[in-house]
Amino acid sequence: MAQKDIAKILVTGPFAAGKTTLIRFVSSEQLLSKDVKATDALSRFKAMTTVGLDFGILHVDDNLDVHLFGTPGQSRFNFMWKVLSRGALGTIFLIDSSSQRAIDEGKKMYKYYRGKSDDPIVIGATHRDKEDARDLDALADELGAQDANMIPCDPRNKEDSKMLVLALLEEVMRDEADDELEEEALDDFELM
C-alpha cells in the first residue's frame, strides 16, 4: 500500500469563532479535543473553551489526508499559536462576523499570523445568520485583510467546512505553482 501525503492545516481565530466545531464536523476522524469549562469573563459567551488544541483528520482521497490543528482562541494561550503553526501549509482563520469583540481580537490575531508567515490564509466568516453580521467587505476592512479570500461559513455544515479546506488547498497549490515558475525563470536567467 502506498503511503499517503499529509497536508497540515492550522485552524485559528478568536474565541467562539467555530474552530472546534469546524474540525469536529469536517473531520473523518477527530482524534483530540481539549476543551474545559470556561471560567473567566468569556464564559458568558461560551461554556467550554479549548486550552490545548483540537486535532482531526480529513481523508480527502486515497492519496491525501489533511491534518487539522485547531488553536485555542484566547490570547492567554497564544504560546500555542506558534507551536501549532509549525509545518502548516496554510491557515483557516475563522472570525465571528457578528461580534465586535471577536473582530477587535481578530485584528490582532490576523496581524500576528500575517507578520509571521506569507503562507496562504483563507478567512471563514461565521455567525452569518445573526443580525449584527458584518458585510464581508466591511469585515475584511476591519481585519486589515482586504486581499484575503473571505468565505461565509457555518462550521456546523460539513460542506461549508470542506469548502474552506479546499479553498485553502487551492491557494497552497497556486502558491507552489507560482514558486516553481519563479524557480524556472531564475534557472533560465542563469543559463543566459
N, C-alpha and C. Protein backbone atom coordinates (compact mmCIF):
# COMPACT_ATOMS: atom_id res chain seq x y z
N MET A 1 0.84 -1.18 0.00
CA MET A 1 0.00 0.00 0.00
C MET A 1 0.89 1.24 0.00
N ALA A 2 0.60 2.18 -0.90
CA ALA A 2 1.38 3.42 -1.00
C ALA A 2 1.09 4.32 0.19
N GLN A 3 2.13 5.03 0.59
CA GLN A 3 1.97 5.95 1.71
C GLN A 3 1.22 7.20 1.25
N LYS A 4 0.31 7.70 2.08
CA LYS A 4 -0.47 8.90 1.76
C LYS A 4 0.35 10.15 2.00
N ASP A 5 0.07 11.19 1.22
CA ASP A 5 0.61 12.51 1.51
C ASP A 5 -0.23 13.10 2.65
N ILE A 6 0.43 13.89 3.48
CA ILE A 6 -0.25 14.53 4.60
C ILE A 6 -0.05 16.03 4.48
N ALA A 7 -1.14 16.77 4.51
CA ALA A 7 -1.11 18.23 4.48
C ALA A 7 -1.55 18.73 5.85
N LYS A 8 -0.72 19.54 6.48
CA LYS A 8 -1.07 20.12 7.78
C LYS A 8 -1.68 21.50 7.57
N ILE A 9 -2.85 21.70 8.15
CA ILE A 9 -3.55 22.98 8.07
C ILE A 9 -3.85 23.45 9.49
N LEU A 10 -3.58 24.72 9.73
CA LEU A 10 -3.89 25.34 11.01
C LEU A 10 -5.29 25.94 10.93
N VAL A 11 -6.08 25.74 11.99
CA VAL A 11 -7.41 26.36 12.11
C VAL A 11 -7.34 27.26 13.33
N THR A 12 -7.48 28.55 13.10
CA THR A 12 -7.32 29.51 14.20
C THR A 12 -8.36 30.61 14.11
N GLY A 13 -8.33 31.50 15.05
CA GLY A 13 -9.24 32.63 15.11
C GLY A 13 -9.59 32.91 16.56
N PRO A 14 -10.29 34.00 16.80
CA PRO A 14 -10.65 34.37 18.17
C PRO A 14 -11.59 33.37 18.83
N PHE A 15 -11.72 33.51 20.12
CA PHE A 15 -12.61 32.73 20.97
C PHE A 15 -14.01 32.69 20.36
N ALA A 16 -14.61 31.51 20.33
CA ALA A 16 -16.00 31.28 19.93
C ALA A 16 -16.27 31.55 18.45
N ALA A 17 -15.26 31.39 17.61
CA ALA A 17 -15.45 31.60 16.17
C ALA A 17 -15.97 30.34 15.48
N GLY A 18 -15.76 29.16 16.09
CA GLY A 18 -16.24 27.92 15.50
C GLY A 18 -15.13 26.95 15.11
N LYS A 19 -13.93 27.14 15.65
CA LYS A 19 -12.78 26.30 15.29
C LYS A 19 -13.00 24.83 15.66
N THR A 20 -13.37 24.58 16.90
CA THR A 20 -13.60 23.20 17.36
C THR A 20 -14.74 22.58 16.57
N THR A 21 -15.79 23.34 16.33
CA THR A 21 -16.94 22.85 15.59
C THR A 21 -16.56 22.48 14.17
N LEU A 22 -15.79 23.33 13.51
CA LEU A 22 -15.36 23.04 12.14
C LEU A 22 -14.57 21.74 12.09
N ILE A 23 -13.61 21.58 12.98
CA ILE A 23 -12.80 20.36 12.98
C ILE A 23 -13.66 19.14 13.27
N ARG A 24 -14.59 19.28 14.20
CA ARG A 24 -15.47 18.15 14.54
C ARG A 24 -16.32 17.74 13.34
N PHE A 25 -16.89 18.71 12.61
CA PHE A 25 -17.82 18.40 11.54
C PHE A 25 -17.15 18.00 10.23
N VAL A 26 -15.94 18.50 9.96
CA VAL A 26 -15.31 18.20 8.68
C VAL A 26 -14.42 16.96 8.74
N SER A 27 -13.97 16.59 9.91
CA SER A 27 -13.01 15.50 10.04
C SER A 27 -13.64 14.13 9.83
N SER A 28 -12.87 13.29 9.14
CA SER A 28 -13.24 11.88 9.03
C SER A 28 -12.96 11.20 10.37
N GLU A 29 -11.93 11.68 11.06
CA GLU A 29 -11.56 11.19 12.39
C GLU A 29 -11.20 12.39 13.25
N GLN A 30 -11.82 12.51 14.41
CA GLN A 30 -11.40 13.53 15.36
C GLN A 30 -10.67 12.80 16.48
N LEU A 31 -9.39 13.08 16.58
CA LEU A 31 -8.56 12.33 17.50
C LEU A 31 -8.37 13.03 18.83
N LEU A 32 -8.51 14.34 18.87
CA LEU A 32 -8.24 15.05 20.11
C LEU A 32 -8.99 16.37 20.15
N SER A 33 -9.57 16.66 21.28
CA SER A 33 -10.15 17.97 21.54
C SER A 33 -9.98 18.21 23.03
N LYS A 34 -9.31 19.28 23.38
CA LYS A 34 -9.06 19.57 24.79
C LYS A 34 -9.84 20.82 25.19
N ASP A 35 -11.10 20.62 25.47
CA ASP A 35 -11.97 21.69 25.92
C ASP A 35 -12.20 21.54 27.42
N VAL A 36 -12.24 22.67 28.11
CA VAL A 36 -12.57 22.70 29.53
C VAL A 36 -13.62 23.79 29.74
N LYS A 37 -14.19 23.78 30.91
CA LYS A 37 -15.20 24.78 31.25
C LYS A 37 -14.55 26.16 31.28
N ALA A 38 -15.15 27.11 30.59
CA ALA A 38 -14.66 28.49 30.60
C ALA A 38 -14.97 29.10 31.97
N THR A 39 -13.95 29.70 32.58
CA THR A 39 -14.14 30.23 33.93
C THR A 39 -13.89 31.72 34.03
N ASP A 40 -13.43 32.35 32.97
CA ASP A 40 -13.14 33.78 33.02
C ASP A 40 -14.32 34.58 32.48
N ALA A 41 -14.10 35.84 32.17
CA ALA A 41 -15.16 36.73 31.70
C ALA A 41 -15.80 36.23 30.40
N LEU A 42 -15.07 35.45 29.63
CA LEU A 42 -15.60 34.95 28.36
C LEU A 42 -16.63 33.84 28.54
N SER A 43 -16.78 33.34 29.76
CA SER A 43 -17.73 32.25 29.99
C SER A 43 -19.17 32.67 29.70
N ARG A 44 -19.44 33.95 29.67
CA ARG A 44 -20.80 34.39 29.35
C ARG A 44 -21.10 34.21 27.86
N PHE A 45 -20.06 34.05 27.03
CA PHE A 45 -20.24 33.84 25.60
C PHE A 45 -20.28 32.36 25.22
N LYS A 46 -19.60 31.53 26.00
CA LYS A 46 -19.45 30.12 25.63
C LYS A 46 -19.08 29.32 26.88
N ALA A 47 -19.70 28.16 27.07
CA ALA A 47 -19.49 27.37 28.28
C ALA A 47 -18.13 26.66 28.30
N MET A 48 -17.68 26.19 27.13
CA MET A 48 -16.43 25.44 27.06
C MET A 48 -15.43 26.20 26.19
N THR A 49 -14.13 25.96 26.46
CA THR A 49 -13.08 26.61 25.68
C THR A 49 -11.93 25.64 25.45
N THR A 50 -11.26 25.79 24.32
CA THR A 50 -10.10 24.95 24.01
C THR A 50 -8.89 25.51 24.74
N VAL A 51 -8.15 24.64 25.44
CA VAL A 51 -6.97 25.10 26.17
C VAL A 51 -5.68 24.52 25.62
N GLY A 52 -5.75 23.52 24.81
CA GLY A 52 -4.55 22.93 24.23
C GLY A 52 -4.62 23.00 22.72
N LEU A 53 -5.33 22.06 22.16
CA LEU A 53 -5.52 22.03 20.72
C LEU A 53 -6.67 21.12 20.38
N ASP A 54 -7.15 21.28 19.16
CA ASP A 54 -8.09 20.34 18.56
C ASP A 54 -7.33 19.69 17.42
N PHE A 55 -7.60 18.42 17.17
CA PHE A 55 -6.93 17.74 16.07
C PHE A 55 -7.90 16.78 15.41
N GLY A 56 -7.96 16.86 14.10
CA GLY A 56 -8.78 15.94 13.32
C GLY A 56 -8.12 15.65 11.99
N ILE A 57 -8.57 14.58 11.36
CA ILE A 57 -8.04 14.17 10.06
C ILE A 57 -9.19 14.12 9.05
N LEU A 58 -8.98 14.77 7.92
CA LEU A 58 -9.92 14.71 6.81
C LEU A 58 -9.28 13.84 5.73
N HIS A 59 -9.91 12.71 5.42
CA HIS A 59 -9.42 11.84 4.34
C HIS A 59 -9.96 12.40 3.03
N VAL A 60 -9.10 13.05 2.26
CA VAL A 60 -9.52 13.68 1.01
C VAL A 60 -9.71 12.61 -0.07
N ASP A 61 -8.72 11.76 -0.24
CA ASP A 61 -8.81 10.65 -1.20
C ASP A 61 -7.77 9.60 -0.81
N ASP A 62 -7.53 8.64 -1.70
CA ASP A 62 -6.59 7.56 -1.39
C ASP A 62 -5.16 8.05 -1.24
N ASN A 63 -4.88 9.25 -1.73
CA ASN A 63 -3.51 9.77 -1.73
C ASN A 63 -3.25 10.89 -0.73
N LEU A 64 -4.31 11.48 -0.16
CA LEU A 64 -4.11 12.67 0.66
C LEU A 64 -4.99 12.66 1.91
N ASP A 65 -4.35 12.92 3.04
CA ASP A 65 -5.04 13.22 4.29
C ASP A 65 -4.69 14.64 4.71
N VAL A 66 -5.66 15.36 5.21
CA VAL A 66 -5.42 16.70 5.75
C VAL A 66 -5.50 16.60 7.26
N HIS A 67 -4.43 17.00 7.93
CA HIS A 67 -4.41 17.05 9.39
C HIS A 67 -4.76 18.47 9.80
N LEU A 68 -5.82 18.61 10.56
CA LEU A 68 -6.32 19.91 11.01
C LEU A 68 -5.93 20.13 12.46
N PHE A 69 -5.17 21.19 12.71
CA PHE A 69 -4.74 21.54 14.06
C PHE A 69 -5.44 22.83 14.46
N GLY A 70 -6.32 22.76 15.46
CA GLY A 70 -7.06 23.92 15.92
C GLY A 70 -6.40 24.52 17.15
N THR A 71 -6.24 25.84 17.11
CA THR A 71 -5.60 26.55 18.21
C THR A 71 -6.64 27.01 19.22
N PRO A 72 -6.19 27.29 20.44
CA PRO A 72 -7.08 27.99 21.38
C PRO A 72 -7.31 29.41 20.87
N GLY A 73 -8.47 29.95 21.13
CA GLY A 73 -8.77 31.30 20.65
C GLY A 73 -8.43 32.41 21.62
N GLN A 74 -8.25 32.06 22.89
CA GLN A 74 -7.96 33.09 23.89
C GLN A 74 -6.49 33.48 23.84
N SER A 75 -6.22 34.77 23.94
CA SER A 75 -4.84 35.25 23.83
C SER A 75 -3.95 34.74 24.96
N ARG A 76 -4.53 34.34 26.08
CA ARG A 76 -3.70 33.82 27.17
C ARG A 76 -3.05 32.49 26.81
N PHE A 77 -3.54 31.85 25.74
CA PHE A 77 -2.94 30.61 25.26
C PHE A 77 -2.15 30.82 23.96
N ASN A 78 -1.73 32.08 23.72
CA ASN A 78 -1.10 32.40 22.44
C ASN A 78 0.24 31.70 22.21
N PHE A 79 0.87 31.19 23.25
CA PHE A 79 2.11 30.43 23.05
C PHE A 79 1.84 29.19 22.19
N MET A 80 0.62 28.69 22.19
CA MET A 80 0.27 27.52 21.39
C MET A 80 0.15 27.87 19.90
N TRP A 81 -0.12 29.14 19.58
CA TRP A 81 -0.28 29.53 18.18
C TRP A 81 0.98 29.23 17.39
N LYS A 82 2.12 29.62 17.94
CA LYS A 82 3.40 29.41 17.27
C LYS A 82 3.73 27.92 17.18
N VAL A 83 3.52 27.21 18.28
CA VAL A 83 3.83 25.78 18.33
C VAL A 83 3.02 25.02 17.27
N LEU A 84 1.72 25.28 17.22
CA LEU A 84 0.84 24.53 16.33
C LEU A 84 1.00 24.93 14.87
N SER A 85 1.49 26.13 14.60
CA SER A 85 1.61 26.58 13.21
C SER A 85 2.85 26.02 12.50
N ARG A 86 3.79 25.48 13.25
CA ARG A 86 5.00 24.92 12.61
C ARG A 86 4.64 23.82 11.63
N GLY A 87 5.12 23.98 10.40
CA GLY A 87 4.91 22.96 9.38
C GLY A 87 3.58 23.03 8.66
N ALA A 88 2.74 24.00 9.02
CA ALA A 88 1.44 24.12 8.35
C ALA A 88 1.63 24.71 6.95
N LEU A 89 0.86 24.21 6.00
CA LEU A 89 0.89 24.72 4.64
C LEU A 89 0.12 26.03 4.51
N GLY A 90 -0.81 26.23 5.41
CA GLY A 90 -1.65 27.43 5.38
C GLY A 90 -2.58 27.43 6.57
N THR A 91 -3.41 28.47 6.63
CA THR A 91 -4.26 28.70 7.79
C THR A 91 -5.69 28.99 7.38
N ILE A 92 -6.62 28.34 8.06
CA ILE A 92 -8.03 28.72 8.01
C ILE A 92 -8.25 29.60 9.23
N PHE A 93 -8.62 30.84 9.00
CA PHE A 93 -8.82 31.82 10.06
C PHE A 93 -10.31 32.08 10.18
N LEU A 94 -10.91 31.61 11.27
CA LEU A 94 -12.35 31.81 11.48
C LEU A 94 -12.58 33.05 12.32
N ILE A 95 -13.64 33.78 11.98
CA ILE A 95 -13.98 35.01 12.71
C ILE A 95 -15.51 35.11 12.82
N ASP A 96 -15.98 35.39 14.01
CA ASP A 96 -17.41 35.63 14.24
C ASP A 96 -17.72 37.00 13.65
N SER A 97 -18.41 37.01 12.52
CA SER A 97 -18.65 38.26 11.80
C SER A 97 -19.70 39.14 12.45
N SER A 98 -20.31 38.66 13.55
CA SER A 98 -21.35 39.45 14.22
C SER A 98 -20.87 40.06 15.53
N SER A 99 -19.63 39.83 15.92
CA SER A 99 -19.16 40.24 17.24
C SER A 99 -18.01 41.24 17.14
N GLN A 100 -18.23 42.43 17.66
CA GLN A 100 -17.15 43.43 17.66
C GLN A 100 -15.99 42.98 18.53
N ARG A 101 -16.30 42.28 19.64
CA ARG A 101 -15.24 41.74 20.49
C ARG A 101 -14.35 40.81 19.69
N ALA A 102 -14.96 39.90 18.92
CA ALA A 102 -14.20 38.94 18.10
C ALA A 102 -13.42 39.66 17.01
N ILE A 103 -14.01 40.66 16.40
CA ILE A 103 -13.34 41.39 15.32
C ILE A 103 -12.14 42.15 15.86
N ASP A 104 -12.29 42.78 17.03
CA ASP A 104 -11.16 43.50 17.63
C ASP A 104 -10.02 42.54 17.96
N GLU A 105 -10.34 41.39 18.53
CA GLU A 105 -9.33 40.38 18.83
C GLU A 105 -8.77 39.79 17.53
N GLY A 106 -9.66 39.60 16.56
CA GLY A 106 -9.26 39.04 15.27
C GLY A 106 -8.24 39.90 14.54
N LYS A 107 -8.37 41.22 14.67
CA LYS A 107 -7.38 42.14 14.03
C LYS A 107 -5.98 41.82 14.52
N LYS A 108 -5.85 41.66 15.84
CA LYS A 108 -4.54 41.38 16.43
C LYS A 108 -4.03 40.01 15.99
N MET A 109 -4.92 39.02 16.02
CA MET A 109 -4.51 37.66 15.64
C MET A 109 -4.13 37.60 14.16
N TYR A 110 -4.92 38.23 13.31
CA TYR A 110 -4.65 38.20 11.87
C TYR A 110 -3.30 38.88 11.59
N LYS A 111 -3.06 39.99 12.25
CA LYS A 111 -1.78 40.70 12.08
C LYS A 111 -0.62 39.81 12.54
N TYR A 112 -0.82 39.08 13.64
CA TYR A 112 0.21 38.16 14.14
C TYR A 112 0.54 37.12 13.06
N TYR A 113 -0.48 36.47 12.52
CA TYR A 113 -0.24 35.41 11.53
C TYR A 113 0.32 35.96 10.22
N ARG A 114 -0.15 37.11 9.80
CA ARG A 114 0.39 37.72 8.57
C ARG A 114 1.84 38.12 8.77
N GLY A 115 2.19 38.58 9.97
CA GLY A 115 3.55 39.01 10.24
C GLY A 115 4.52 37.85 10.39
N LYS A 116 4.02 36.69 10.69
CA LYS A 116 4.86 35.54 10.94
C LYS A 116 5.15 34.74 9.69
N SER A 117 4.27 34.82 8.69
CA SER A 117 4.44 33.98 7.52
C SER A 117 3.64 34.55 6.35
N ASP A 118 4.09 34.22 5.15
CA ASP A 118 3.30 34.60 3.98
C ASP A 118 2.55 33.40 3.41
N ASP A 119 2.42 32.34 4.24
CA ASP A 119 1.63 31.18 3.83
C ASP A 119 0.18 31.62 3.61
N PRO A 120 -0.53 30.92 2.74
CA PRO A 120 -1.93 31.29 2.45
C PRO A 120 -2.81 31.25 3.69
N ILE A 121 -3.73 32.21 3.74
CA ILE A 121 -4.76 32.25 4.78
C ILE A 121 -6.10 32.44 4.09
N VAL A 122 -7.05 31.59 4.44
CA VAL A 122 -8.43 31.73 3.99
C VAL A 122 -9.23 32.10 5.23
N ILE A 123 -10.07 33.13 5.11
CA ILE A 123 -10.87 33.58 6.25
C ILE A 123 -12.30 33.06 6.10
N GLY A 124 -12.76 32.37 7.14
CA GLY A 124 -14.13 31.90 7.20
C GLY A 124 -14.93 32.82 8.10
N ALA A 125 -15.90 33.52 7.53
CA ALA A 125 -16.75 34.44 8.29
C ALA A 125 -17.94 33.64 8.83
N THR A 126 -17.97 33.47 10.15
CA THR A 126 -19.01 32.66 10.80
C THR A 126 -20.10 33.54 11.41
N HIS A 127 -21.13 32.90 11.91
CA HIS A 127 -22.26 33.58 12.56
C HIS A 127 -22.93 34.56 11.59
N ARG A 128 -23.04 34.15 10.34
CA ARG A 128 -23.63 34.99 9.30
C ARG A 128 -25.14 35.14 9.48
N ASP A 129 -25.75 34.25 10.26
CA ASP A 129 -27.19 34.28 10.46
C ASP A 129 -27.63 35.32 11.50
N LYS A 130 -26.68 35.92 12.18
CA LYS A 130 -27.02 36.89 13.22
C LYS A 130 -27.24 38.28 12.61
N GLU A 131 -28.10 39.04 13.28
CA GLU A 131 -28.48 40.36 12.79
C GLU A 131 -27.29 41.31 12.65
N ASP A 132 -26.32 41.22 13.54
CA ASP A 132 -25.18 42.14 13.53
C ASP A 132 -24.03 41.69 12.64
N ALA A 133 -24.23 40.63 11.84
CA ALA A 133 -23.15 40.13 10.97
C ALA A 133 -22.71 41.21 10.00
N ARG A 134 -21.39 41.41 9.91
CA ARG A 134 -20.81 42.41 9.01
C ARG A 134 -20.86 41.92 7.57
N ASP A 135 -21.00 42.87 6.67
CA ASP A 135 -20.80 42.62 5.25
C ASP A 135 -19.35 42.12 5.09
N LEU A 136 -19.11 41.20 4.16
CA LEU A 136 -17.78 40.60 4.02
C LEU A 136 -16.70 41.64 3.69
N ASP A 137 -17.02 42.62 2.86
CA ASP A 137 -16.03 43.66 2.54
C ASP A 137 -15.72 44.51 3.76
N ALA A 138 -16.75 44.86 4.54
CA ALA A 138 -16.53 45.64 5.75
C ALA A 138 -15.72 44.85 6.76
N LEU A 139 -15.99 43.55 6.87
CA LEU A 139 -15.24 42.70 7.77
C LEU A 139 -13.77 42.63 7.35
N ALA A 140 -13.53 42.46 6.07
CA ALA A 140 -12.15 42.43 5.56
C ALA A 140 -11.43 43.73 5.89
N ASP A 141 -12.12 44.86 5.72
CA ASP A 141 -11.51 46.16 6.04
C ASP A 141 -11.17 46.25 7.52
N GLU A 142 -12.11 45.83 8.39
CA GLU A 142 -11.86 45.91 9.83
C GLU A 142 -10.69 45.03 10.26
N LEU A 143 -10.53 43.89 9.60
CA LEU A 143 -9.43 42.98 9.95
C LEU A 143 -8.10 43.39 9.32
N GLY A 144 -8.16 44.29 8.33
CA GLY A 144 -6.95 44.60 7.58
C GLY A 144 -6.60 43.47 6.63
N ALA A 145 -7.63 42.81 6.11
CA ALA A 145 -7.45 41.61 5.28
C ALA A 145 -8.12 41.79 3.92
N GLN A 146 -7.94 42.96 3.31
CA GLN A 146 -8.62 43.27 2.07
C GLN A 146 -8.25 42.32 0.93
N ASP A 147 -7.05 41.77 0.94
CA ASP A 147 -6.61 40.87 -0.14
C ASP A 147 -6.88 39.40 0.16
N ALA A 148 -7.46 39.11 1.30
CA ALA A 148 -7.67 37.72 1.71
C ALA A 148 -8.91 37.14 1.03
N ASN A 149 -8.92 35.83 0.88
CA ASN A 149 -10.08 35.11 0.39
C ASN A 149 -11.04 34.96 1.57
N MET A 150 -12.14 35.71 1.54
CA MET A 150 -13.12 35.75 2.63
C MET A 150 -14.34 34.94 2.20
N ILE A 151 -14.66 33.89 2.96
CA ILE A 151 -15.73 32.97 2.59
C ILE A 151 -16.73 32.87 3.74
N PRO A 152 -18.03 33.09 3.46
CA PRO A 152 -19.03 32.87 4.52
C PRO A 152 -19.08 31.38 4.85
N CYS A 153 -19.23 31.07 6.14
CA CYS A 153 -19.14 29.68 6.56
C CYS A 153 -19.96 29.43 7.81
N ASP A 154 -20.66 28.32 7.82
CA ASP A 154 -21.28 27.80 9.03
C ASP A 154 -20.50 26.54 9.39
N PRO A 155 -19.65 26.59 10.42
CA PRO A 155 -18.81 25.43 10.76
C PRO A 155 -19.59 24.17 11.09
N ARG A 156 -20.88 24.31 11.39
CA ARG A 156 -21.71 23.14 11.69
C ARG A 156 -22.13 22.41 10.41
N ASN A 157 -21.88 23.05 9.27
CA ASN A 157 -22.23 22.49 7.98
C ASN A 157 -20.99 21.87 7.36
N LYS A 158 -20.99 20.56 7.20
CA LYS A 158 -19.81 19.85 6.69
C LYS A 158 -19.38 20.38 5.33
N GLU A 159 -20.32 20.70 4.46
CA GLU A 159 -19.97 21.19 3.12
C GLU A 159 -19.30 22.57 3.19
N ASP A 160 -19.80 23.45 4.06
CA ASP A 160 -19.16 24.77 4.24
C ASP A 160 -17.72 24.59 4.74
N SER A 161 -17.55 23.69 5.69
CA SER A 161 -16.22 23.46 6.26
C SER A 161 -15.28 22.87 5.22
N LYS A 162 -15.77 21.90 4.43
CA LYS A 162 -14.96 21.33 3.36
C LYS A 162 -14.56 22.41 2.35
N MET A 163 -15.50 23.32 2.06
CA MET A 163 -15.22 24.38 1.10
C MET A 163 -14.03 25.23 1.57
N LEU A 164 -13.95 25.52 2.87
CA LEU A 164 -12.82 26.28 3.40
C LEU A 164 -11.51 25.51 3.23
N VAL A 165 -11.54 24.22 3.55
CA VAL A 165 -10.33 23.40 3.42
C VAL A 165 -9.89 23.36 1.96
N LEU A 166 -10.83 23.13 1.05
CA LEU A 166 -10.49 23.05 -0.38
C LEU A 166 -10.00 24.39 -0.91
N ALA A 167 -10.61 25.49 -0.47
CA ALA A 167 -10.16 26.81 -0.90
C ALA A 167 -8.73 27.06 -0.46
N LEU A 168 -8.40 26.64 0.76
CA LEU A 168 -7.02 26.82 1.24
C LEU A 168 -6.07 25.93 0.45
N LEU A 169 -6.43 24.68 0.21
CA LEU A 169 -5.57 23.78 -0.56
C LEU A 169 -5.33 24.32 -1.97
N GLU A 170 -6.35 24.92 -2.58
CA GLU A 170 -6.19 25.54 -3.91
C GLU A 170 -5.18 26.68 -3.85
N GLU A 171 -5.26 27.50 -2.80
CA GLU A 171 -4.30 28.60 -2.66
C GLU A 171 -2.88 28.09 -2.43
N VAL A 172 -2.74 27.02 -1.65
CA VAL A 172 -1.42 26.42 -1.42
C VAL A 172 -0.85 25.92 -2.75
N MET A 173 -1.68 25.22 -3.54
CA MET A 173 -1.22 24.70 -4.82
C MET A 173 -0.86 25.83 -5.78
N ARG A 174 -1.64 26.91 -5.77
CA ARG A 174 -1.36 28.06 -6.63
C ARG A 174 -0.02 28.70 -6.23
N ASP A 175 0.21 28.84 -4.92
CA ASP A 175 1.48 29.39 -4.44
C ASP A 175 2.66 28.52 -4.83
N GLU A 176 2.48 27.19 -4.72
CA GLU A 176 3.56 26.27 -5.09
C GLU A 176 3.83 26.34 -6.58
N ALA A 177 2.78 26.47 -7.40
CA ALA A 177 2.97 26.58 -8.85
C ALA A 177 3.68 27.89 -9.18
N ASP A 178 3.32 28.99 -8.51
CA ASP A 178 3.99 30.27 -8.72
C ASP A 178 5.47 30.18 -8.34
N ASP A 179 5.76 29.50 -7.22
CA ASP A 179 7.15 29.33 -6.80
C ASP A 179 7.95 28.54 -7.84
N GLU A 180 7.33 27.49 -8.40
CA GLU A 180 8.01 26.69 -9.42
C GLU A 180 8.29 27.52 -10.67
N LEU A 181 7.32 28.36 -11.07
CA LEU A 181 7.53 29.23 -12.24
C LEU A 181 8.67 30.22 -11.98
N GLU A 182 8.72 30.77 -10.77
CA GLU A 182 9.80 31.69 -10.43
C GLU A 182 11.15 30.99 -10.48
N GLU A 183 11.21 29.75 -9.95
CA GLU A 183 12.46 28.99 -9.98
C GLU A 183 12.88 28.69 -11.41
N GLU A 184 11.92 28.32 -12.27
CA GLU A 184 12.24 28.06 -13.68
C GLU A 184 12.76 29.32 -14.35
N ALA A 185 12.14 30.47 -14.06
CA ALA A 185 12.59 31.73 -14.65
C ALA A 185 14.01 32.04 -14.19
N LEU A 186 14.30 31.81 -12.92
CA LEU A 186 15.66 32.04 -12.42
C LEU A 186 16.66 31.09 -13.06
N ASP A 187 16.27 29.83 -13.21
CA ASP A 187 17.13 28.85 -13.88
C ASP A 187 17.41 29.27 -15.30
N ASP A 188 16.37 29.72 -16.02
CA ASP A 188 16.54 30.18 -17.41
C ASP A 188 17.46 31.40 -17.46
N PHE A 189 17.30 32.30 -16.49
CA PHE A 189 18.13 33.50 -16.44
C PHE A 189 19.60 33.13 -16.23
N GLU A 190 19.83 32.16 -15.32
CA GLU A 190 21.19 31.75 -15.02
C GLU A 190 21.85 31.07 -16.21
N LEU A 191 21.06 30.44 -17.10
CA LEU A 191 21.60 29.79 -18.28
C LEU A 191 22.03 30.79 -19.35
N MET A 192 21.54 32.00 -19.28
CA MET A 192 21.87 33.02 -20.30
C MET A 192 23.30 33.47 -20.20
